Amino acid sequence: MDMDNMLGGGGGAVGQFPLEQWFYEMPVCTRWWTAATVATSLLVQCHIITPFQLFYSFRAVFVKNQFWRLLTTFVYFGPLSLDLLFHVFFLQRYSRLLEESSGRSPAHFSWLLLYATSILLCLSPMLSMPFLGSALSSSLVYIWSRRNPETRLSFLGLLVFTAPYLPWVLMAFSLVLHGTVPKDEICGVIVGHVWYFFSDVYPSLHNGQRPLDPPHWWRRIFEARPTDTGTQEINNEIAAAAAPELR
């Protein structure tokens, strides 16, 4: 066995193990959301932190100033278990597909995350949902499934269906697994449908208007300012003329 295969296979970067390569191949938002999810569950499993420090509570955040809960509510899916593995798989898979389809800049996908998390945080006190990771994941799965209506999927190798049925299959599976109506996933589908409608359906009916696109100030945070190629060429010519000639 050659050294390249030992370090992660011929297709990856030298010195990277397969898991490391898989991690760094993910787009930036999906990568750190997945990492935070696994790290949070590990910390809870090791009794370094408890779930009571992670859930979202309006009073805890805005009265007691525990602002970290605005983020931790989206990254805790439970202790280490098969259920956690199931959630992490769907999170990274469909979040990654959606982020990759949004272009090279993370501006659009991060704006989608900001929209979804903000709406879910507003709905959480009314629906008694202290943890919102499943709802956010369901929003992304729903948006991806509606944008890929012809894609055929197989669930556990037993059920074959097209992508738009995926959110409902996952809800049915959650109902069988936990024995309760998955209101967090239903809420996520509703939030995802609003985004899908105003981003994919509404523009074709209203002369291309896209009300949920990120504003310019948000894009400027993530996208580099375009360089003036004409000015750059002039500067290069001046620099070349001023430089001493090398023999």
C-alpha atoms as a PDB file:
ATOM      1  CA  MET A   1       0.000   0.000   0.000  1.00  0.00           C
ATOM      2  CA  ASP A   2       1.474   3.364  -0.993  1.00  0.00           C
ATOM      3  CA  MET A   3       1.657   6.379   1.280  1.00  0.00           C
ATOM      4  CA  ASP A   4      -0.924   8.367  -0.715  1.00  0.00           C
ATOM      5  CA  ASN A   5      -3.612   5.741  -0.121  1.00  0.00           C
ATOM      6  CA  MET A   6      -2.715   5.523   3.556  1.00  0.00           C
ATOM      7  CA  LEU A   7      -3.216   9.266   3.933  1.00  0.00           C
ATOM      8  CA  GLY A   8      -6.638   9.461   2.391  1.00  0.00           C
ATOM      9  CA  GLY A   9      -6.687   8.125  -1.130  1.00  0.00           C
ATOM     10  CA  GLY A  10      -5.408   9.268  -4.473  1.00  0.00           C
ATOM     11  CA  GLY A  11      -8.201  11.816  -5.007  1.00  0.00           C
ATOM     12  CA  GLY A  12      -7.639  13.949  -1.908  1.00  0.00           C
ATOM     13  CA  ALA A  13      -4.998  16.353  -0.746  1.00  0.00           C
ATOM     14  CA  VAL A  14      -1.764  14.807   0.481  1.00  0.00           C
ATOM     15  CA  GLY A  15      -1.712  14.453   4.269  1.00  0.00           C
ATOM     16  CA  GLN A  16      -5.499  14.433   4.722  1.00  0.00           C
ATOM     17  CA  PHE A  17      -7.382  11.469   6.134  1.00  0.00           C
ATOM     18  CA  PRO A  18     -10.750  10.608   4.502  1.00  0.00           C
ATOM     19  CA  LEU A  19     -12.767  12.175   7.352  1.00  0.00           C
ATOM     20  CA  GLU A  20     -10.675  15.340   7.264  1.00  0.00           C
ATOM     21  CA  GLN A  21     -11.017  15.546   3.487  1.00  0.00           C
ATOM     22  CA  TRP A  22     -14.797  15.077   3.741  1.00  0.00           C
ATOM     23  CA  PHE A  23     -14.949  17.858   6.348  1.00  0.00           C
ATOM     24  CA  TYR A  24     -12.997  20.417   4.335  1.00  0.00           C
ATOM     25  CA  GLU A  25     -14.877  19.635   1.120  1.00  0.00           C
ATOM     26  CA  MET A  26     -18.086  20.931   2.701  1.00  0.00           C
ATOM     27  CA  PRO A  27     -19.038  24.582   2.049  1.00  0.00           C
ATOM     28  CA  VAL A  28     -18.188  26.916   4.902  1.00  0.00           C
ATOM     29  CA  CYS A  29     -21.660  27.330   6.502  1.00  0.00           C
ATOM     30  CA  THR A  30     -22.498  23.625   6.359  1.00  0.00           C
ATOM     31  CA  ARG A  31     -19.015  22.718   7.597  1.00  0.00           C
ATOM     32  CA  TRP A  32     -19.179  24.730  10.793  1.00  0.00           C
ATOM     33  CA  TRP A  33     -22.830  23.927  11.507  1.00  0.00           C
ATOM     34  CA  THR A  34     -21.995  20.205  11.289  1.00  0.00           C
ATOM     35  CA  ALA A  35     -18.875  20.647  13.440  1.00  0.00           C
ATOM     36  CA  ALA A  36     -20.793  22.628  16.069  1.00  0.00           C
ATOM     37  CA  THR A  37     -23.540  19.983  16.163  1.00  0.00           C
ATOM     38  CA  VAL A  38     -21.121  17.106  16.777  1.00  0.00           C
ATOM     39  CA  ALA A  39     -19.022  19.115  19.252  1.00  0.00           C
ATOM     40  CA  THR A  40     -22.095  20.153  21.278  1.00  0.00           C
ATOM     41  CA  SER A  41     -23.331  16.570  21.574  1.00  0.00           C
ATOM     42  CA  LEU A  42     -19.861  15.433  22.654  1.00  0.00           C
ATOM     43  CA  LEU A  43     -19.721  18.128  25.350  1.00  0.00           C
ATOM     44  CA  VAL A  44     -23.138  17.064  26.658  1.00  0.00           C
ATOM     45  CA  GLN A  45     -22.146  13.392  26.548  1.00  0.00           C
ATOM     46  CA  CYS A  46     -19.020  14.171  28.599  1.00  0.00           C
ATOM     47  CA  HIS A  47     -21.121  16.171  31.125  1.00  0.00           C
ATOM     48  CA  ILE A  48     -19.144  19.347  30.464  1.00  0.00           C
ATOM     49  CA  ILE A  49     -22.365  21.182  29.632  1.00  0.00           C
ATOM     50  CA  THR A  50     -26.034  20.251  29.978  1.00  0.00           C
ATOM     51  CA  PRO A  51     -29.006  20.649  27.609  1.00  0.00           C
ATOM     52  CA  PHE A  52     -30.476  23.122  30.100  1.00  0.00           C
ATOM     53  CA  GLN A  53     -27.719  25.551  29.121  1.00  0.00           C
ATOM     54  CA  LEU A  54     -28.496  25.234  25.409  1.00  0.00           C
ATOM     55  CA  PHE A  55     -32.240  25.587  24.775  1.00  0.00           C
ATOM     56  CA  TYR A  56     -33.835  28.843  23.649  1.00  0.00           C
ATOM     57  CA  SER A  57     -35.843  30.809  26.163  1.00  0.00           C
ATOM     58  CA  PHE A  58     -36.927  34.397  25.593  1.00  0.00           C
ATOM     59  CA  ARG A  59     -36.500  35.234  29.262  1.00  0.00           C
ATOM     60  CA  ALA A  60     -33.082  33.582  29.522  1.00  0.00           C
ATOM     61  CA  VAL A  61     -31.805  35.412  26.440  1.00  0.00           C
ATOM     62  CA  PHE A  62     -33.282  38.885  26.796  1.00  0.00           C
ATOM     63  CA  VAL A  63     -33.626  39.164  30.579  1.00  0.00           C
ATOM     64  CA  LYS A  64     -30.647  37.149  31.802  1.00  0.00           C
ATOM     65  CA  ASN A  65     -28.474  38.086  28.787  1.00  0.00           C
ATOM     66  CA  GLN A  66     -27.645  34.472  27.895  1.00  0.00           C
ATOM     67  CA  PHE A  67     -27.254  35.307  24.220  1.00  0.00           C
ATOM     68  CA  TRP A  68     -25.413  32.102  23.315  1.00  0.00           C
ATOM     69  CA  ARG A  69     -28.788  30.334  23.397  1.00  0.00           C
ATOM     70  CA  LEU A  70     -29.681  32.062  20.117  1.00  0.00           C
ATOM     71  CA  LEU A  71     -27.105  29.758  18.469  1.00  0.00           C
ATOM     72  CA  THR A  72     -26.980  26.659  20.659  1.00  0.00           C
ATOM     73  CA  THR A  73     -30.675  25.946  20.154  1.00  0.00           C
ATOM     74  CA  PHE A  74     -29.834  25.192  16.495  1.00  0.00           C
ATOM     75  CA  VAL A  75     -26.842  22.914  17.085  1.00  0.00           C
ATOM     76  CA  TYR A  76     -28.099  20.473  19.724  1.00  0.00           C
ATOM     77  CA  PHE A  77     -29.951  17.419  18.416  1.00  0.00           C
ATOM     78  CA  GLY A  78     -29.543  15.201  21.467  1.00  0.00           C
ATOM     79  CA  PRO A  79     -26.825  13.016  23.010  1.00  0.00           C
ATOM     80  CA  LEU A  80     -24.673  10.624  21.002  1.00  0.00           C
ATOM     81  CA  SER A  81     -27.060   8.102  19.489  1.00  0.00           C
ATOM     82  CA  LEU A  82     -28.342   6.628  16.235  1.00  0.00           C
ATOM     83  CA  ASP A  83     -30.910   9.422  16.131  1.00  0.00           C
ATOM     84  CA  LEU A  84     -28.101  12.025  16.268  1.00  0.00           C
ATOM     85  CA  LEU A  85     -26.266  10.256  13.429  1.00  0.00           C
ATOM     86  CA  PHE A  86     -29.464  10.320  11.403  1.00  0.00           C
ATOM     87  CA  HIS A  87     -29.883  14.076  11.979  1.00  0.00           C
ATOM     88  CA  VAL A  88     -26.246  14.884  11.197  1.00  0.00           C
ATOM     89  CA  PHE A  89     -26.419  12.917   7.943  1.00  0.00           C
ATOM     90  CA  PHE A  90     -29.469  14.785   6.666  1.00  0.00           C
ATOM     91  CA  LEU A  91     -28.196  18.116   7.977  1.00  0.00           C
ATOM     92  CA  GLN A  92     -24.851  17.993   6.202  1.00  0.00           C
ATOM     93  CA  ARG A  93     -26.180  16.329   3.049  1.00  0.00           C
ATOM     94  CA  TYR A  94     -29.040  18.669   2.174  1.00  0.00           C
ATOM     95  CA  SER A  95     -27.510  21.779   3.698  1.00  0.00           C
ATOM     96  CA  ARG A  96     -24.417  21.105   1.590  1.00  0.00           C
ATOM     97  CA  LEU A  97     -26.414  20.536  -1.603  1.00  0.00           C
ATOM     98  CA  LEU A  98     -28.392  23.718  -1.032  1.00  0.00           C
ATOM     99  CA  GLU A  99     -25.333  25.793  -0.187  1.00  0.00           C
ATOM    100  CA  GLU A 100     -23.393  24.516  -3.196  1.00  0.00           C
ATOM    101  CA  SER A 101     -26.291  25.341  -5.508  1.00  0.00           C
ATOM    102  CA  SER A 102     -26.432  28.926  -4.190  1.00  0.00           C
ATOM    103  CA  GLY A 103     -23.093  29.814  -5.791  1.00  0.00           C
ATOM    104  CA  ARG A 104     -19.508  30.314  -4.696  1.00  0.00           C
ATOM    105  CA  SER A 105     -20.286  33.158  -2.298  1.00  0.00           C
ATOM    106  CA  PRO A 106     -21.918  32.193   1.035  1.00  0.00           C
ATOM    107  CA  ALA A 107     -23.993  35.404   0.981  1.00  0.00           C
ATOM    108  CA  HIS A 108     -27.213  33.837  -0.328  1.00  0.00           C
ATOM    109  CA  PHE A 109     -27.108  30.706   1.816  1.00  0.00           C
ATOM    110  CA  SER A 110     -26.151  32.597   4.975  1.00  0.00           C
ATOM    111  CA  TRP A 111     -29.046  35.007   4.330  1.00  0.00           C
ATOM    112  CA  LEU A 112     -31.367  31.991   4.045  1.00  0.00           C
ATOM    113  CA  LEU A 113     -30.052  30.729   7.398  1.00  0.00           C
ATOM    114  CA  LEU A 114     -30.573  34.161   8.964  1.00  0.00           C
ATOM    115  CA  TYR A 115     -34.150  34.291   7.656  1.00  0.00           C
ATOM    116  CA  ALA A 116     -35.017  30.776   8.836  1.00  0.00           C
ATOM    117  CA  THR A 117     -33.403  31.106  12.264  1.00  0.00           C
ATOM    118  CA  SER A 118     -35.058  34.485  12.895  1.00  0.00           C
ATOM    119  CA  ILE A 119     -38.541  33.202  12.026  1.00  0.00           C
ATOM    120  CA  LEU A 120     -38.077  30.038  14.077  1.00  0.00           C
ATOM    121  CA  LEU A 121     -36.880  32.038  17.092  1.00  0.00           C
ATOM    122  CA  CYS A 122     -40.031  34.155  16.870  1.00  0.00           C
ATOM    123  CA  LEU A 123     -42.248  31.057  16.653  1.00  0.00           C
ATOM    124  CA  SER A 124     -40.476  29.102  19.396  1.00  0.00           C
ATOM    125  CA  PRO A 125     -42.224  30.652  22.455  1.00  0.00           C
ATOM    126  CA  MET A 126     -45.670  30.298  20.848  1.00  0.00           C
ATOM    127  CA  LEU A 127     -45.163  26.633  19.922  1.00  0.00           C
ATOM    128  CA  SER A 128     -43.085  25.574  22.948  1.00  0.00           C
ATOM    129  CA  MET A 129     -40.090  24.460  20.895  1.00  0.00           C
ATOM    130  CA  PRO A 130     -36.943  24.932  23.021  1.00  0.00           C
ATOM    131  CA  PHE A 131     -34.614  23.265  20.481  1.00  0.00           C
ATOM    132  CA  LEU A 132     -34.837  24.396  16.866  1.00  0.00           C
ATOM    133  CA  GLY A 133     -32.174  22.379  15.046  1.00  0.00           C
ATOM    134  CA  SER A 134     -34.649  19.877  13.590  1.00  0.00           C
ATOM    135  CA  ALA A 135     -36.948  22.672  12.422  1.00  0.00           C
ATOM    136  CA  LEU A 136     -34.093  24.483  10.663  1.00  0.00           C
ATOM    137  CA  SER A 137     -32.888  21.257   9.055  1.00  0.00           C
ATOM    138  CA  SER A 138     -36.437  20.515   7.862  1.00  0.00           C
ATOM    139  CA  SER A 139     -36.630  23.966   6.254  1.00  0.00           C
ATOM    140  CA  LEU A 140     -33.510  23.266   4.201  1.00  0.00           C
ATOM    141  CA  VAL A 141     -34.648  19.761   3.246  1.00  0.00           C
ATOM    142  CA  TYR A 142     -37.989  21.154   2.077  1.00  0.00           C
ATOM    143  CA  ILE A 143     -36.408  23.900  -0.053  1.00  0.00           C
ATOM    144  CA  TRP A 144     -33.998  21.439  -1.669  1.00  0.00           C
ATOM    145  CA  SER A 145     -36.760  18.924  -2.347  1.00  0.00           C
ATOM    146  CA  ARG A 146     -38.952  21.492  -4.089  1.00  0.00           C
ATOM    147  CA  ARG A 147     -36.050  22.687  -6.250  1.00  0.00           C
ATOM    148  CA  ASN A 148     -35.266  19.130  -7.386  1.00  0.00           C
ATOM    149  CA  PRO A 149     -38.683  17.654  -8.218  1.00  0.00           C
ATOM    150  CA  GLU A 150     -37.380  14.997 -10.631  1.00  0.00           C
ATOM    151  CA  THR A 151     -34.719  13.550  -8.313  1.00  0.00           C
ATOM    152  CA  ARG A 152     -35.517   9.986  -7.207  1.00  0.00           C
ATOM    153  CA  LEU A 153     -34.594   8.957  -3.673  1.00  0.00           C
ATOM    154  CA  SER A 154     -34.552   5.711  -1.732  1.00  0.00           C
ATOM    155  CA  PHE A 155     -35.308   5.615   1.999  1.00  0.00           C
ATOM    156  CA  LEU A 156     -33.569   2.788   3.876  1.00  0.00           C
ATOM    157  CA  GLY A 157     -33.507   0.864   0.618  1.00  0.00           C
ATOM    158  CA  LEU A 158     -37.218   0.087   0.964  1.00  0.00           C
ATOM    159  CA  LEU A 159     -39.156   3.086  -0.312  1.00  0.00           C
ATOM    160  CA  VAL A 160     -38.471   4.841  -3.615  1.00  0.00           C
ATOM    161  CA  PHE A 161     -40.006   8.277  -4.226  1.00  0.00           C
ATOM    162  CA  THR A 162     -39.296  11.636  -5.828  1.00  0.00           C
ATOM    163  CA  ALA A 163     -37.673  14.457  -3.871  1.00  0.00           C
ATOM    164  CA  PRO A 164     -40.824  16.540  -3.082  1.00  0.00           C
ATOM    165  CA  TYR A 165     -42.068  13.697  -0.859  1.00  0.00           C
ATOM    166  CA  LEU A 166     -38.887  13.633   1.238  1.00  0.00           C
ATOM    167  CA  PRO A 167     -40.054  16.003   4.043  1.00  0.00           C
ATOM    168  CA  TRP A 168     -43.254  14.007   4.496  1.00  0.00           C
ATOM    169  CA  VAL A 169     -41.395  10.683   4.534  1.00  0.00           C
ATOM    170  CA  LEU A 170     -39.085  12.047   7.234  1.00  0.00           C
ATOM    171  CA  MET A 171     -42.069  13.261   9.259  1.00  0.00           C
ATOM    172  CA  ALA A 172     -43.692   9.832   9.056  1.00  0.00           C
ATOM    173  CA  PHE A 173     -40.428   8.198  10.123  1.00  0.00           C
ATOM    174  CA  SER A 174     -40.120  10.601  13.064  1.00  0.00           C
ATOM    175  CA  LEU A 175     -43.719   9.875  14.070  1.00  0.00           C
ATOM    176  CA  VAL A 176     -43.056   6.124  14.083  1.00  0.00           C
ATOM    177  CA  LEU A 177     -39.714   6.517  15.876  1.00  0.00           C
ATOM    178  CA  HIS A 178     -40.827   8.915  18.622  1.00  0.00           C
ATOM    179  CA  GLY A 179     -44.586   8.347  18.756  1.00  0.00           C
ATOM    180  CA  THR A 180     -45.398  12.076  18.689  1.00  0.00           C
ATOM    181  CA  VAL A 181     -46.401  14.507  15.978  1.00  0.00           C
ATOM    182  CA  PRO A 182     -43.166  16.236  14.832  1.00  0.00           C
ATOM    183  CA  LYS A 183     -44.365  19.818  15.204  1.00  0.00           C
ATOM    184  CA  ASP A 184     -40.831  21.153  14.868  1.00  0.00           C
ATOM    185  CA  GLU A 185     -40.478  19.542  11.435  1.00  0.00           C
ATOM    186  CA  ILE A 186     -43.926  20.771  10.388  1.00  0.00           C
ATOM    187  CA  CYS A 187     -42.934  24.286  11.459  1.00  0.00           C
ATOM    188  CA  GLY A 188     -39.699  23.950   9.488  1.00  0.00           C
ATOM    189  CA  VAL A 189     -41.608  22.937   6.352  1.00  0.00           C
ATOM    190  CA  ILE A 190     -43.852  26.006   6.669  1.00  0.00           C
ATOM    191  CA  VAL A 191     -40.842  28.318   7.068  1.00  0.00           C
ATOM    192  CA  GLY A 192     -39.141  26.612   4.113  1.00  0.00           C
ATOM    193  CA  HIS A 193     -42.247  26.927   1.948  1.00  0.00           C
ATOM    194  CA  VAL A 194     -42.427  30.686   2.514  1.00  0.00           C
ATOM    195  CA  TRP A 195     -38.808  31.022   1.368  1.00  0.00           C
ATOM    196  CA  TYR A 196     -39.358  28.727  -1.620  1.00  0.00           C
ATOM    197  CA  PHE A 197     -42.478  30.616  -2.719  1.00  0.00           C
ATOM    198  CA  PHE A 198     -40.906  34.081  -2.602  1.00  0.00           C
ATOM    199  CA  SER A 199     -37.602  32.925  -4.109  1.00  0.00           C
ATOM    200  CA  ASP A 200     -38.743  30.481  -6.810  1.00  0.00           C
ATOM    201  CA  VAL A 201     -42.453  31.063  -7.547  1.00  0.00           C
ATOM    202  CA  TYR A 202     -43.136  34.736  -6.817  1.00  0.00           C
ATOM    203  CA  PRO A 203     -40.451  36.168  -9.204  1.00  0.00           C
ATOM    204  CA  SER A 204     -42.009  34.508 -12.262  1.00  0.00           C
ATOM    205  CA  LEU A 205     -45.364  36.111 -11.410  1.00  0.00           C
ATOM    206  CA  HIS A 206     -44.057  39.613 -10.613  1.00  0.00           C
ATOM    207  CA  ASN A 207     -41.507  40.558 -13.271  1.00  0.00           C
ATOM    208  CA  GLY A 208     -38.561  38.867 -11.587  1.00  0.00           C
ATOM    209  CA  GLN A 209     -38.898  40.605  -8.218  1.00  0.00           C
ATOM    210  CA  ARG A 210     -37.194  38.594  -5.471  1.00  0.00           C
ATOM    211  CA  PRO A 211     -38.183  40.085  -2.085  1.00  0.00           C
ATOM    212  CA  LEU A 212     -36.169  37.601  -0.021  1.00  0.00           C
ATOM    213  CA  ASP A 213     -32.854  38.029  -1.827  1.00  0.00           C
ATOM    214  CA  PRO A 214     -30.026  39.313   0.418  1.00  0.00           C
ATOM    215  CA  PRO A 215     -29.614  43.112   0.401  1.00  0.00           C
ATOM    216  CA  HIS A 216     -26.488  44.672  -1.070  1.00  0.00           C
ATOM    217  CA  TRP A 217     -24.971  45.478   2.321  1.00  0.00           C
ATOM    218  CA  TRP A 218     -25.179  41.778   3.258  1.00  0.00           C
ATOM    219  CA  ARG A 219     -23.555  40.696  -0.013  1.00  0.00           C
ATOM    220  CA  ARG A 220     -20.703  43.137   0.529  1.00  0.00           C
ATOM    221  CA  ILE A 221     -19.848  41.375   3.798  1.00  0.00           C
ATOM    222  CA  PHE A 222     -19.129  38.117   1.967  1.00  0.00           C
ATOM    223  CA  GLU A 223     -18.206  39.139  -1.551  1.00  0.00           C
ATOM    224  CA  ALA A 224     -14.946  40.861  -2.432  1.00  0.00           C
ATOM    225  CA  ARG A 225     -15.231  44.219  -4.139  1.00  0.00           C
ATOM    226  CA  PRO A 226     -14.684  43.905  -7.891  1.00  0.00           C
ATOM    227  CA  THR A 227     -11.311  45.135  -9.025  1.00  0.00           C
ATOM    228  CA  ASP A 228     -11.053  47.792 -11.716  1.00  0.00           C
ATOM    229  CA  THR A 229      -9.128  45.876 -14.387  1.00  0.00           C
ATOM    230  CA  GLY A 230      -8.414  49.023 -16.424  1.00  0.00           C
ATOM    231  CA  THR A 231      -6.872  50.830 -13.473  1.00  0.00           C
ATOM    232  CA  GLN A 232      -4.948  47.714 -12.510  1.00  0.00           C
ATOM    233  CA  GLU A 233      -3.437  47.428 -16.004  1.00  0.00           C
ATOM    234  CA  ILE A 234      -2.352  51.105 -15.963  1.00  0.00           C
ATOM    235  CA  ASN A 235      -0.759  50.646 -12.541  1.00  0.00           C
ATOM    236  CA  ASN A 236       1.086  47.587 -13.786  1.00  0.00           C
ATOM    237  CA  GLU A 237       2.428  49.501 -16.820  1.00  0.00           C
ATOM    238  CA  ILE A 238       3.623  52.402 -14.632  1.00  0.00           C
ATOM    239  CA  ALA A 239       5.307  49.990 -12.242  1.00  0.00           C
ATOM    240  CA  ALA A 240       7.004  48.175 -15.112  1.00  0.00           C
ATOM    241  CA  ALA A 241       8.301  51.448 -16.622  1.00  0.00           C
ATOM    242  CA  ALA A 242       9.629  52.659 -13.286  1.00  0.00           C
ATOM    243  CA  ALA A 243      11.417  49.408 -12.461  1.00  0.00           C
ATOM    244  CA  PRO A 244      15.100  49.127 -13.392  1.00  0.00           C
ATOM    245  CA  GLU A 245      15.783  47.022 -16.432  1.00  0.00           C
ATOM    246  CA  LEU A 246      17.303  43.669 -15.608  1.00  0.00           C
ATOM    247  CA  ARG A 247      19.941  42.272 -17.887  1.00  0.00           C
END
